Amino acid sequence: MTQNEAIAKIEAACKVISLEMMKVTPTARHLDDEATTAAVVEASYKLTIELEVIKKKLIQLKGRDDSSEL
C-alpha cells in the first residue's frame, strides 16, 4: 500500500466515523439519565477532537496545511 492509498483509506474511515458520531449526541439526549447523557456527550466531544487531530495530520502529511478550515 502506498502512502497516498493509506491516506485515502484513513480519510474514508474518518468520514464514516464523523457521520456516525453526529448521531451520538442527539440520541444520547433520550437516555433519560442525566449523568449517563453527560458522560456520553463529553466522550463524544473528546472523540471528535481526536478525529480532527487525525484529519489535520493527514492534511499536513499531504503538504497542504489547511488547518484554519478544520
Protein backbone atom coordinates (compact mmCIF):
# COMPACT_ATOMS: atom_id res chain seq x y z
CA MET A 1 0.00 0.00 0.00
CA THR A 2 1.36 3.39 -0.93
CA GLN A 3 1.27 6.44 1.31
CA ASN A 4 -1.48 8.00 -0.83
CA GLU A 5 -3.56 4.84 -0.61
CA ALA A 6 -3.12 4.75 3.16
CA ILE A 7 -4.12 8.40 3.45
CA ALA A 8 -7.19 7.83 1.28
CA LYS A 9 -8.21 4.80 3.34
CA ILE A 10 -7.81 6.68 6.65
CA GLU A 11 -9.69 9.70 5.29
CA ALA A 12 -12.56 7.45 4.20
CA ALA A 13 -12.70 5.85 7.64
CA CYS A 14 -12.67 9.28 9.29
CA LYS A 15 -15.59 10.34 7.12
CA VAL A 16 -17.63 7.30 8.15
CA ILE A 17 -16.75 7.80 11.81
CA SER A 18 -17.66 11.51 11.61
CA LEU A 19 -21.06 10.73 10.13
CA GLU A 20 -21.78 8.16 12.82
CA MET A 21 -20.56 10.44 15.62
CA MET A 22 -23.08 13.07 14.52
CA LYS A 23 -25.80 10.64 15.65
CA VAL A 24 -24.45 10.07 19.16
CA THR A 25 -25.24 13.33 20.98
CA PRO A 26 -28.81 13.75 19.72
CA THR A 27 -29.53 10.12 20.58
CA ALA A 28 -27.88 10.34 24.00
CA ARG A 29 -30.38 13.04 24.97
CA HIS A 30 -33.06 10.31 25.01
CA LEU A 31 -31.34 8.11 27.60
CA ASP A 32 -33.40 9.64 30.42
CA ASP A 33 -30.39 9.60 32.72
CA GLU A 34 -28.64 12.93 33.12
CA ALA A 35 -25.31 11.54 34.33
CA THR A 36 -25.07 8.98 31.54
CA THR A 37 -26.11 11.52 28.91
CA ALA A 38 -23.46 13.95 30.15
CA ALA A 39 -20.78 11.25 30.07
CA VAL A 40 -21.73 10.16 26.55
CA VAL A 41 -21.80 13.75 25.25
CA GLU A 42 -18.42 14.51 26.84
CA ALA A 43 -16.83 11.34 25.45
CA SER A 44 -18.32 12.04 22.04
CA TYR A 45 -16.83 15.53 22.10
CA LYS A 46 -13.40 14.14 23.01
CA LEU A 47 -13.58 11.55 20.25
CA THR A 48 -14.48 14.26 17.75
CA ILE A 49 -11.46 16.30 18.80
CA GLU A 50 -9.15 13.31 18.34
CA LEU A 51 -10.69 12.59 14.95
CA GLU A 52 -9.91 16.16 13.90
CA VAL A 53 -6.31 15.65 15.02
CA ILE A 54 -6.03 12.67 12.68
CA LYS A 55 -7.53 14.62 9.80
CA LYS A 56 -5.23 17.58 10.39
CA LYS A 57 -2.15 15.34 10.49
CA LEU A 58 -3.15 13.79 7.16
CA ILE A 59 -3.58 17.23 5.62
CA GLN A 60 -0.14 18.23 6.86
CA LEU A 61 1.33 14.99 5.53
CA LYS A 62 -0.15 15.68 2.13
CA GLY A 63 1.60 19.04 2.19
CA ARG A 64 -1.46 21.22 2.05
CA ASP A 65 -1.84 22.69 5.52
CA ASP A 66 -5.43 23.95 5.53
CA SER A 67 -5.60 23.84 9.33
CA SER A 68 -7.59 27.09 9.51
CA GLU A 69 -10.51 25.25 7.87
CA LEU A 70 -10.64 22.49 10.47
